[in-house]
Amino acid sequence: MYGWLTNTGIKFVIVIDMEGRPTSATDSRNSAIVGLRDADLKPAFRALQSAYIGLLRNPFYDPDHHSPSVANAERRLGSTQITSRRFINEVERIGSAWFPGVTAI
């Protein structure tokens, strides 16, 4: 699990399942190295942040409606999950395009 905190307080989390990943010759030589480097994840986090900014630019999207703290204060029941199809498709595209070592997504 890797996290990214923007200067505006927005938190992004990327969960990576490395268990079923095939290893290359380089990986087997460096078997003592566990996890990913910061540089491996920066392109994915930047792409996620850009996708989120695109979501916020939508005049019909209300970020307060999806805030858990606002939902708790209003005693609102139900999901605070983002349901924008465009945003979900972009996140899926980022997840499919990312791999360790990619420089831009």
C-alpha atoms as a PDB file:
ATOM      1  CA  MET A   1       0.000   0.000   0.000  1.00  0.00           C
ATOM      2  CA  TYR A   2       1.431   3.356  -1.051  1.00  0.00           C
ATOM      3  CA  GLY A   3       0.088   6.819  -0.284  1.00  0.00           C
ATOM      4  CA  TRP A   4       0.348  10.311  -1.708  1.00  0.00           C
ATOM      5  CA  LEU A   5      -0.739  13.473   0.117  1.00  0.00           C
ATOM      6  CA  THR A   6      -1.286  16.597  -1.967  1.00  0.00           C
ATOM      7  CA  ASN A   7      -0.550  20.078  -0.681  1.00  0.00           C
ATOM      8  CA  THR A   8      -4.336  20.631  -0.440  1.00  0.00           C
ATOM      9  CA  GLY A   9      -4.783  17.659   1.898  1.00  0.00           C
ATOM     10  CA  ILE A  10      -6.188  15.168  -0.621  1.00  0.00           C
ATOM     11  CA  LYS A  11      -4.961  11.628   0.028  1.00  0.00           C
ATOM     12  CA  PHE A  12      -4.500   9.036  -2.714  1.00  0.00           C
ATOM     13  CA  VAL A  13      -3.761   5.382  -1.988  1.00  0.00           C
ATOM     14  CA  ILE A  14      -2.493   2.771  -4.434  1.00  0.00           C
ATOM     15  CA  VAL A  15      -2.640  -0.889  -3.458  1.00  0.00           C
ATOM     16  CA  ILE A  16      -0.361  -3.171  -5.468  1.00  0.00           C
ATOM     17  CA  ASP A  17      -0.600  -6.957  -5.438  1.00  0.00           C
ATOM     18  CA  MET A  18       2.956  -8.137  -6.073  1.00  0.00           C
ATOM     19  CA  GLU A  19       2.314 -11.771  -5.160  1.00  0.00           C
ATOM     20  CA  GLY A  20       1.403 -13.052  -8.627  1.00  0.00           C
ATOM     21  CA  ARG A  21       3.934 -10.874 -10.459  1.00  0.00           C
ATOM     22  CA  PRO A  22       6.396 -12.724 -12.700  1.00  0.00           C
ATOM     23  CA  THR A  23      10.020 -12.003 -11.842  1.00  0.00           C
ATOM     24  CA  SER A  24      12.620 -10.960 -14.345  1.00  0.00           C
ATOM     25  CA  ALA A  25      16.339 -11.753 -14.297  1.00  0.00           C
ATOM     26  CA  THR A  26      16.984  -8.341 -12.737  1.00  0.00           C
ATOM     27  CA  ASP A  27      14.486  -9.017  -9.953  1.00  0.00           C
ATOM     28  CA  SER A  28      15.994 -12.376  -9.101  1.00  0.00           C
ATOM     29  CA  ARG A  29      19.492 -10.838  -8.837  1.00  0.00           C
ATOM     30  CA  ASN A  30      18.161  -8.125  -6.520  1.00  0.00           C
ATOM     31  CA  SER A  31      16.011 -10.439  -4.413  1.00  0.00           C
ATOM     32  CA  ALA A  32      16.912  -8.515  -1.251  1.00  0.00           C
ATOM     33  CA  ILE A  33      15.079  -5.457  -2.585  1.00  0.00           C
ATOM     34  CA  VAL A  34      11.468  -5.500  -1.451  1.00  0.00           C
ATOM     35  CA  GLY A  35       8.748  -3.139  -2.629  1.00  0.00           C
ATOM     36  CA  LEU A  36       8.852  -0.315  -5.113  1.00  0.00           C
ATOM     37  CA  ARG A  37      10.789   2.916  -5.258  1.00  0.00           C
ATOM     38  CA  ASP A  38       9.142   6.304  -4.998  1.00  0.00           C
ATOM     39  CA  ALA A  39      10.045   7.030  -8.630  1.00  0.00           C
ATOM     40  CA  ASP A  40       8.146   3.913  -9.744  1.00  0.00           C
ATOM     41  CA  LEU A  41       4.880   5.242  -8.328  1.00  0.00           C
ATOM     42  CA  LYS A  42       5.110   8.981  -9.048  1.00  0.00           C
ATOM     43  CA  PRO A  43       3.684   8.701 -12.592  1.00  0.00           C
ATOM     44  CA  ALA A  44       0.680   6.740 -11.313  1.00  0.00           C
ATOM     45  CA  PHE A  45       0.012   9.210  -8.498  1.00  0.00           C
ATOM     46  CA  ARG A  46       0.360  12.178 -10.855  1.00  0.00           C
ATOM     47  CA  ALA A  47      -2.088  10.569 -13.286  1.00  0.00           C
ATOM     48  CA  LEU A  48      -4.544   9.892 -10.438  1.00  0.00           C
ATOM     49  CA  GLN A  49      -4.251  13.481  -9.267  1.00  0.00           C
ATOM     50  CA  SER A  50      -4.909  14.742 -12.810  1.00  0.00           C
ATOM     51  CA  ALA A  51      -7.953  12.469 -13.086  1.00  0.00           C
ATOM     52  CA  TYR A  52      -9.262  13.781  -9.761  1.00  0.00           C
ATOM     53  CA  ILE A  53      -8.734  17.388 -10.856  1.00  0.00           C
ATOM     54  CA  GLY A  54     -10.734  16.573 -13.994  1.00  0.00           C
ATOM     55  CA  LEU A  55     -13.502  15.213 -11.770  1.00  0.00           C
ATOM     56  CA  LEU A  56     -13.504  18.376  -9.652  1.00  0.00           C
ATOM     57  CA  ARG A  57     -13.846  20.512 -12.787  1.00  0.00           C
ATOM     58  CA  ASN A  58     -17.194  18.849 -13.515  1.00  0.00           C
ATOM     59  CA  PRO A  59     -19.852  21.382 -12.436  1.00  0.00           C
ATOM     60  CA  PHE A  60     -22.253  18.551 -11.556  1.00  0.00           C
ATOM     61  CA  TYR A  61     -19.834  16.854  -9.147  1.00  0.00           C
ATOM     62  CA  ASP A  62     -20.130  17.930  -5.508  1.00  0.00           C
ATOM     63  CA  PRO A  63     -17.052  16.796  -3.539  1.00  0.00           C
ATOM     64  CA  ASP A  64     -18.826  17.455  -0.223  1.00  0.00           C
ATOM     65  CA  HIS A  65     -21.437  14.843  -1.133  1.00  0.00           C
ATOM     66  CA  HIS A  66     -18.655  12.225  -1.180  1.00  0.00           C
ATOM     67  CA  SER A  67     -16.868  13.343   1.991  1.00  0.00           C
ATOM     68  CA  PRO A  68     -17.141  10.850   4.872  1.00  0.00           C
ATOM     69  CA  SER A  69     -16.816  13.631   7.465  1.00  0.00           C
ATOM     70  CA  VAL A  70     -19.696  15.608   5.908  1.00  0.00           C
ATOM     71  CA  ALA A  71     -21.815  12.451   5.609  1.00  0.00           C
ATOM     72  CA  ASN A  72     -21.217  11.673   9.297  1.00  0.00           C
ATOM     73  CA  ALA A  73     -22.034  15.232  10.364  1.00  0.00           C
ATOM     74  CA  GLU A  74     -25.285  15.130   8.379  1.00  0.00           C
ATOM     75  CA  ARG A  75     -26.003  11.591   9.636  1.00  0.00           C
ATOM     76  CA  ARG A  76     -26.405  10.579   6.017  1.00  0.00           C
ATOM     77  CA  LEU A  77     -26.519   6.852   5.297  1.00  0.00           C
ATOM     78  CA  GLY A  78     -25.188   5.267   2.153  1.00  0.00           C
ATOM     79  CA  SER A  79     -22.008   5.184   0.185  1.00  0.00           C
ATOM     80  CA  THR A  80     -19.649   8.125  -0.219  1.00  0.00           C
ATOM     81  CA  GLN A  81     -17.930   6.319  -3.080  1.00  0.00           C
ATOM     82  CA  ILE A  82     -17.212   8.278  -6.275  1.00  0.00           C
ATOM     83  CA  THR A  83     -19.593   6.992  -8.955  1.00  0.00           C
ATOM     84  CA  SER A  84     -18.495   9.080 -11.949  1.00  0.00           C
ATOM     85  CA  ARG A  85     -18.135   6.632 -14.842  1.00  0.00           C
ATOM     86  CA  ARG A  86     -15.531   8.849 -16.552  1.00  0.00           C
ATOM     87  CA  PHE A  87     -13.387   9.002 -13.406  1.00  0.00           C
ATOM     88  CA  ILE A  88     -13.681   5.256 -12.800  1.00  0.00           C
ATOM     89  CA  ASN A  89     -12.684   4.523 -16.409  1.00  0.00           C
ATOM     90  CA  GLU A  90      -9.662   6.818 -16.082  1.00  0.00           C
ATOM     91  CA  VAL A  91      -8.563   5.120 -12.846  1.00  0.00           C
ATOM     92  CA  GLU A  92      -8.905   1.713 -14.526  1.00  0.00           C
ATOM     93  CA  ARG A  93      -6.866   2.974 -17.492  1.00  0.00           C
ATOM     94  CA  ILE A  94      -4.133   4.211 -15.158  1.00  0.00           C
ATOM     95  CA  GLY A  95      -4.082   0.868 -13.356  1.00  0.00           C
ATOM     96  CA  SER A  96      -3.804  -1.041 -16.628  1.00  0.00           C
ATOM     97  CA  ALA A  97      -1.112   1.221 -18.092  1.00  0.00           C
ATOM     98  CA  TRP A  98       1.134   1.394 -15.020  1.00  0.00           C
ATOM     99  CA  PHE A  99       4.103  -0.898 -14.460  1.00  0.00           C
ATOM    100  CA  PRO A 100       7.344  -0.401 -12.490  1.00  0.00           C
ATOM    101  CA  GLY A 101       9.672   1.829 -14.473  1.00  0.00           C
ATOM    102  CA  VAL A 102       7.043   3.613 -16.577  1.00  0.00           C
ATOM    103  CA  THR A 103       7.803   7.341 -16.772  1.00  0.00           C
ATOM    104  CA  ALA A 104       4.477   8.711 -18.010  1.00  0.00           C
ATOM    105  CA  ILE A 105       0.912   7.451 -18.091  1.00  0.00           C
END
